[in-house]
N, C-alpha and C. Protein backbone atom coordinates (compact mmCIF):
# COMPACT_ATOMS: atom_id res chain seq x y z
N UNK A 1 54.42 -66.12 -81.44
CA UNK A 1 54.31 -64.56 -82.33
C UNK A 1 53.02 -63.98 -81.74
N UNK A 2 52.99 -62.96 -81.49
CA UNK A 2 51.93 -62.01 -80.96
C UNK A 2 50.82 -61.78 -82.02
N UNK A 3 49.74 -62.00 -81.64
CA UNK A 3 48.29 -61.29 -82.27
C UNK A 3 47.98 -59.78 -82.16
N UNK A 4 47.01 -59.30 -82.50
CA UNK A 4 46.36 -58.13 -82.58
C UNK A 4 45.04 -57.97 -81.49
N UNK A 5 44.97 -57.44 -80.60
CA UNK A 5 44.22 -57.29 -80.13
C UNK A 5 43.24 -55.84 -80.62
N UNK A 6 42.76 -55.58 -81.16
CA UNK A 6 41.49 -54.34 -81.76
C UNK A 6 40.39 -54.29 -80.97
N UNK A 7 40.65 -53.41 -80.35
CA UNK A 7 39.71 -52.66 -79.17
C UNK A 7 39.08 -51.54 -80.05
N UNK A 8 37.30 -51.64 -79.91
CA UNK A 8 36.37 -50.68 -80.09
C UNK A 8 35.35 -50.76 -79.02
N UNK A 9 34.52 -49.67 -79.91
CA UNK A 9 32.88 -49.28 -78.36
C UNK A 9 32.20 -48.38 -79.63
N UNK A 10 30.86 -48.54 -79.13
CA UNK A 10 30.00 -48.18 -79.69
C UNK A 10 29.38 -46.91 -78.45
N UNK A 11 29.26 -45.57 -78.04
CA UNK A 11 28.92 -44.51 -77.59
C UNK A 11 27.12 -43.85 -78.20
N UNK A 12 26.42 -44.03 -77.44
CA UNK A 12 24.88 -43.46 -77.46
C UNK A 12 25.05 -42.10 -77.75
N UNK A 13 24.04 -41.70 -77.91
CA UNK A 13 23.59 -40.11 -77.82
C UNK A 13 23.73 -39.89 -76.06
N UNK A 14 23.10 -40.49 -75.57
CA UNK A 14 23.35 -40.34 -74.09
C UNK A 14 24.89 -40.56 -73.10
N UNK A 15 25.98 -41.14 -74.10
CA UNK A 15 27.02 -41.06 -73.34
C UNK A 15 27.12 -42.64 -72.91
N UNK A 16 26.03 -43.07 -72.87
CA UNK A 16 26.26 -44.82 -72.66
C UNK A 16 27.53 -45.61 -73.28
N UNK A 17 28.30 -46.30 -73.29
CA UNK A 17 29.38 -47.01 -73.95
C UNK A 17 29.21 -48.30 -73.45
N UNK A 18 29.37 -48.83 -74.60
CA UNK A 18 29.42 -50.58 -75.17
C UNK A 18 31.19 -50.82 -75.70
N UNK A 19 31.79 -51.58 -74.81
CA UNK A 19 32.97 -51.75 -75.10
C UNK A 19 33.13 -53.46 -75.76
N UNK A 20 34.11 -53.66 -76.60
CA UNK A 20 34.63 -55.39 -77.21
C UNK A 20 35.91 -55.14 -77.90
N UNK A 21 36.01 -56.35 -78.22
CA UNK A 21 37.30 -56.45 -79.15
C UNK A 21 37.43 -57.63 -79.75
N UNK A 22 38.49 -57.69 -80.57
CA UNK A 22 38.16 -58.78 -81.05
C UNK A 22 40.24 -59.06 -81.40
N UNK A 23 40.44 -60.29 -81.52
CA UNK A 23 41.89 -61.11 -81.48
C UNK A 23 42.13 -60.98 -82.95
N UNK A 24 42.85 -61.11 -83.84
CA UNK A 24 43.33 -61.25 -84.91
C UNK A 24 44.57 -62.43 -84.80
N UNK A 25 44.56 -63.16 -85.88
CA UNK A 25 46.01 -63.87 -85.98
C UNK A 25 46.90 -62.95 -86.52
N UNK A 26 48.15 -63.27 -86.80
CA UNK A 26 48.89 -62.54 -87.40
C UNK A 26 49.75 -63.59 -87.35
N UNK A 27 49.72 -64.70 -88.48
CA UNK A 27 50.84 -66.06 -89.09
C UNK A 27 51.81 -65.12 -90.05
N UNK A 28 51.73 -63.93 -90.63
CA UNK A 28 52.75 -63.57 -91.14
C UNK A 28 53.46 -62.24 -90.26
N UNK A 29 53.70 -62.42 -89.42
CA UNK A 29 54.20 -61.13 -88.71
C UNK A 29 54.16 -60.25 -88.65
N UNK A 30 52.73 -59.76 -89.00
CA UNK A 30 53.20 -57.83 -89.43
C UNK A 30 53.44 -57.03 -88.17
N UNK A 31 53.80 -56.05 -88.89
CA UNK A 31 54.13 -55.22 -87.48
C UNK A 31 53.41 -54.41 -86.91
N UNK A 32 53.05 -54.08 -85.61
CA UNK A 32 51.87 -52.86 -85.08
C UNK A 32 51.89 -51.91 -85.72
N UNK A 33 52.65 -51.27 -86.36
CA UNK A 33 52.67 -49.69 -86.94
C UNK A 33 51.97 -49.76 -88.28
N UNK A 34 52.30 -50.75 -88.45
CA UNK A 34 51.76 -50.80 -89.84
C UNK A 34 50.40 -51.12 -90.20
N UNK A 35 49.77 -51.85 -88.93
CA UNK A 35 48.44 -52.24 -89.14
C UNK A 35 47.86 -51.03 -88.36
N UNK A 36 48.20 -50.85 -87.50
CA UNK A 36 47.89 -49.41 -86.90
C UNK A 36 47.44 -48.64 -88.49
N UNK A 37 48.84 -47.88 -88.80
CA UNK A 37 48.85 -47.37 -90.07
C UNK A 37 47.24 -47.27 -91.18
N UNK A 38 47.31 -48.87 -91.54
CA UNK A 38 46.45 -49.23 -92.32
C UNK A 38 44.71 -48.97 -92.16
N UNK A 39 44.75 -49.15 -90.72
CA UNK A 39 43.47 -48.76 -89.85
C UNK A 39 43.02 -47.37 -89.94
N UNK A 40 43.92 -46.39 -89.43
CA UNK A 40 43.69 -44.72 -89.67
C UNK A 40 43.27 -44.69 -90.76
N UNK A 41 43.80 -45.58 -92.15
CA UNK A 41 43.93 -44.77 -93.44
C UNK A 41 42.30 -44.83 -93.69
N UNK A 42 41.18 -45.60 -93.06
CA UNK A 42 39.97 -46.00 -93.69
C UNK A 42 38.90 -45.34 -92.40
N UNK A 43 39.46 -44.88 -91.45
CA UNK A 43 38.77 -44.47 -90.48
C UNK A 43 37.94 -43.29 -90.88
N UNK A 44 36.73 -42.65 -90.32
CA UNK A 44 36.36 -41.46 -90.82
C UNK A 44 36.83 -40.35 -89.36
N UNK A 45 37.52 -39.53 -90.36
CA UNK A 45 37.98 -38.07 -89.13
C UNK A 45 38.34 -38.86 -87.80
N UNK A 46 39.86 -39.74 -88.02
CA UNK A 46 40.65 -40.76 -87.84
C UNK A 46 40.13 -41.53 -85.80
N UNK A 47 38.36 -41.34 -86.32
CA UNK A 47 37.79 -42.25 -84.97
C UNK A 47 36.95 -43.05 -85.07
N UNK A 48 36.18 -43.39 -86.51
CA UNK A 48 35.04 -43.54 -86.72
C UNK A 48 35.38 -44.55 -87.48
N UNK A 49 33.94 -45.54 -87.55
CA UNK A 49 33.82 -46.93 -88.72
C UNK A 49 32.73 -47.05 -88.35
N UNK A 50 32.24 -48.42 -89.85
CA UNK A 50 30.68 -48.49 -89.71
C UNK A 50 31.20 -50.27 -89.42
N UNK A 51 30.43 -50.92 -88.37
CA UNK A 51 31.10 -52.30 -87.55
C UNK A 51 30.35 -52.97 -89.39
N UNK A 52 29.23 -52.82 -90.15
CA UNK A 52 28.67 -53.20 -90.85
C UNK A 52 29.92 -53.75 -92.03
N UNK A 53 30.52 -52.31 -92.18
CA UNK A 53 31.15 -52.37 -93.22
C UNK A 53 32.95 -53.28 -93.27
N UNK A 54 33.03 -53.43 -92.14
CA UNK A 54 34.26 -53.67 -91.56
C UNK A 54 34.22 -55.15 -90.32
N UNK A 55 32.65 -56.17 -91.21
CA UNK A 55 32.08 -56.82 -90.87
C UNK A 55 33.06 -57.66 -88.97
N UNK A 56 32.29 -56.45 -88.06
CA UNK A 56 32.33 -56.45 -86.94
C UNK A 56 31.61 -56.76 -85.96
N UNK A 57 31.21 -57.51 -85.19
CA UNK A 57 29.98 -57.42 -84.20
C UNK A 57 29.30 -56.07 -83.91
N UNK A 58 28.41 -55.84 -83.96
CA UNK A 58 27.48 -54.54 -83.68
C UNK A 58 27.15 -54.32 -82.50
N UNK A 59 27.70 -53.19 -81.53
CA UNK A 59 28.01 -53.10 -79.93
C UNK A 59 26.47 -52.08 -80.02
N UNK A 60 25.55 -51.71 -80.45
CA UNK A 60 23.99 -50.79 -80.44
C UNK A 60 23.31 -51.06 -79.29
N UNK A 61 23.05 -50.32 -78.11
CA UNK A 61 22.08 -51.04 -77.38
C UNK A 61 20.17 -51.10 -78.57
N UNK A 62 20.13 -51.74 -77.20
CA UNK A 62 18.66 -52.18 -77.52
C UNK A 62 17.79 -51.17 -77.62
N UNK A 63 18.11 -50.24 -77.05
CA UNK A 63 16.69 -48.71 -77.36
C UNK A 63 17.56 -47.77 -78.06
N UNK A 64 16.74 -47.58 -78.65
CA UNK A 64 17.25 -46.41 -79.95
C UNK A 64 16.48 -45.60 -80.04
N UNK A 65 17.44 -44.04 -80.39
CA UNK A 65 16.28 -42.89 -80.10
C UNK A 65 17.26 -41.82 -81.31
N UNK A 66 16.05 -41.84 -82.46
CA UNK A 66 16.42 -41.41 -83.67
C UNK A 66 16.81 -39.86 -83.33
N UNK A 67 16.74 -39.38 -82.46
CA UNK A 67 17.24 -38.15 -82.31
C UNK A 67 18.73 -37.92 -81.81
N UNK A 68 18.76 -38.64 -81.32
CA UNK A 68 20.70 -38.69 -80.36
C UNK A 68 21.74 -39.55 -81.26
N UNK A 69 20.55 -40.86 -81.40
CA UNK A 69 21.77 -41.66 -81.20
C UNK A 69 22.31 -42.17 -82.72
N UNK A 70 23.37 -42.39 -83.55
CA UNK A 70 23.97 -42.69 -84.57
C UNK A 70 24.84 -44.09 -84.63
N UNK A 71 24.95 -44.58 -85.66
CA UNK A 71 25.25 -45.30 -86.54
C UNK A 71 26.47 -46.29 -86.42
N UNK A 72 27.37 -44.93 -86.12
CA UNK A 72 28.71 -45.18 -85.97
C UNK A 72 29.63 -45.74 -85.23
N UNK A 73 30.94 -46.42 -85.16
CA UNK A 73 31.32 -46.99 -83.45
C UNK A 73 32.87 -46.25 -83.65
N UNK A 74 33.40 -46.45 -82.69
CA UNK A 74 34.56 -45.99 -82.02
C UNK A 74 36.18 -46.34 -82.09
N UNK A 75 36.98 -46.51 -82.89
CA UNK A 75 37.75 -46.97 -82.68
C UNK A 75 38.93 -46.70 -81.34
N UNK A 76 39.37 -47.69 -80.62
CA UNK A 76 40.11 -47.52 -79.24
C UNK A 76 41.24 -48.00 -79.68
N UNK A 77 41.91 -48.60 -80.03
CA UNK A 77 43.22 -49.35 -80.32
C UNK A 77 43.50 -50.42 -80.31
N UNK A 78 44.39 -50.82 -81.12
CA UNK A 78 44.76 -51.68 -81.97
C UNK A 78 46.29 -52.23 -81.43
N UNK A 79 46.68 -53.89 -80.78
CA UNK A 79 47.45 -54.08 -79.55
C UNK A 79 48.35 -55.37 -79.57
N UNK A 80 49.23 -55.44 -79.99
CA UNK A 80 49.68 -56.89 -79.45
C UNK A 80 49.49 -57.38 -78.52
N UNK A 81 49.05 -58.95 -78.65
CA UNK A 81 48.82 -59.73 -77.59
C UNK A 81 49.42 -61.39 -77.63
N UNK A 82 49.16 -62.05 -76.90
CA UNK A 82 49.49 -63.30 -76.89
C UNK A 82 47.76 -64.35 -77.19
N UNK A 83 46.85 -63.42 -76.83
CA UNK A 83 45.48 -64.44 -76.56
C UNK A 83 45.49 -64.96 -78.16
N UNK A 84 45.11 -66.12 -78.16
CA UNK A 84 44.32 -66.51 -79.34
C UNK A 84 43.68 -66.05 -80.13
N UNK A 85 43.26 -65.79 -81.51
CA UNK A 85 42.77 -65.41 -82.49
C UNK A 85 41.89 -65.88 -83.51
N UNK A 86 41.13 -65.14 -84.05
CA UNK A 86 40.47 -66.03 -85.50
C UNK A 86 40.47 -65.81 -86.37
N UNK A 87 40.00 -65.21 -86.91
CA UNK A 87 40.23 -64.01 -88.82
C UNK A 87 41.55 -63.80 -88.42
N UNK A 88 42.49 -64.10 -89.21
CA UNK A 88 43.56 -63.18 -89.71
C UNK A 88 43.82 -61.81 -89.78
N UNK A 89 44.52 -61.50 -89.62
CA UNK A 89 45.02 -59.63 -89.57
C UNK A 89 44.80 -59.08 -91.17
N UNK A 90 45.55 -59.71 -91.81
CA UNK A 90 45.13 -59.54 -93.26
C UNK A 90 44.47 -59.35 -93.75
N UNK A 91 43.74 -60.42 -93.62
CA UNK A 91 42.35 -60.58 -93.66
C UNK A 91 41.27 -59.36 -93.59
N UNK A 92 41.38 -58.90 -92.63
CA UNK A 92 40.89 -57.83 -91.71
C UNK A 92 41.36 -57.14 -92.72
N UNK A 93 42.62 -56.53 -92.97
CA UNK A 93 42.87 -55.10 -93.54
C UNK A 93 42.33 -55.20 -95.10
N UNK A 94 42.71 -55.96 -95.74
CA UNK A 94 42.16 -56.47 -96.99
C UNK A 94 40.80 -56.10 -96.95
N UNK A 95 39.60 -56.50 -96.11
CA UNK A 95 38.24 -56.22 -96.22
C UNK A 95 38.14 -55.05 -95.77
N UNK A 96 39.06 -54.24 -94.88
CA UNK A 96 38.45 -52.68 -94.76
C UNK A 96 38.81 -51.62 -95.91
N UNK A 97 39.84 -52.22 -96.61
CA UNK A 97 40.48 -51.39 -97.79
C UNK A 97 39.10 -51.63 -98.88
N UNK A 98 38.60 -51.77 -99.13
CA UNK A 98 37.60 -52.39 -100.02
C UNK A 98 36.42 -51.54 -99.97
């Protein structure tokens, strides 16, 4: 049964980027299209989200410039993977809906 790979990044005001991903277990065999739809429903302008509200690791750089940096992260993709996961995707979808 494939799991889900959620890829995201932080892009600072100078366009430097930190990329990361989280592997979610998929014990109930959810469909990629449905998971992607649920994620897109909660994104800001179909791209951004706040990692603290989604309980994901923060990718901000150590050096912060109040004039150009921002607090949101960018959703890159969600894909099927055979990699082992941790948290269940259904728990993640529930958390972002609240």
